[in-house]
Amino acid sequence: MPVIHFKLPDGTVKSIEGAVGTPVMFLAKDNGIDQILAECGGCCSCATCHVHVAPDWFLKLPEMSEDELNMLEFAEGQDDTSRLSCQLIIAEELDGLVVNVPESQY
């Protein structure tokens, strides 16, 4: 199974194996990463699962949908490496993906 590395606000890294086809958001929520609020449950309608993808991984990700791009406008601290973790689907090619978890979603 691919491993996703979550860099938490305090600098610690939590590395978690995830099943292919699972959104990164569910992997985070199911493993106690509390900074990922995911208020809409993964429907791409709230931006509270916002993460910053490590720059060396950002261009390897599938392109953002129009909905994700629009929703990111509402994300606190949005930047050029921002993605919604509900829209990042675990694939073998993402083994080793590093996402930086913001301290707050508001």
Foldseek 3Di string as FASTA:
>chain_A
DAWEWEQEPVRDIDIDDDDFFAQQLCVCVVVPVVQQPCPVVLPLPAQSQKWFWDVVCQVVFPDDDPSFVVNLVLWPPDDPRIGRSSPGGDDPSCRYTYIYRDPHRD
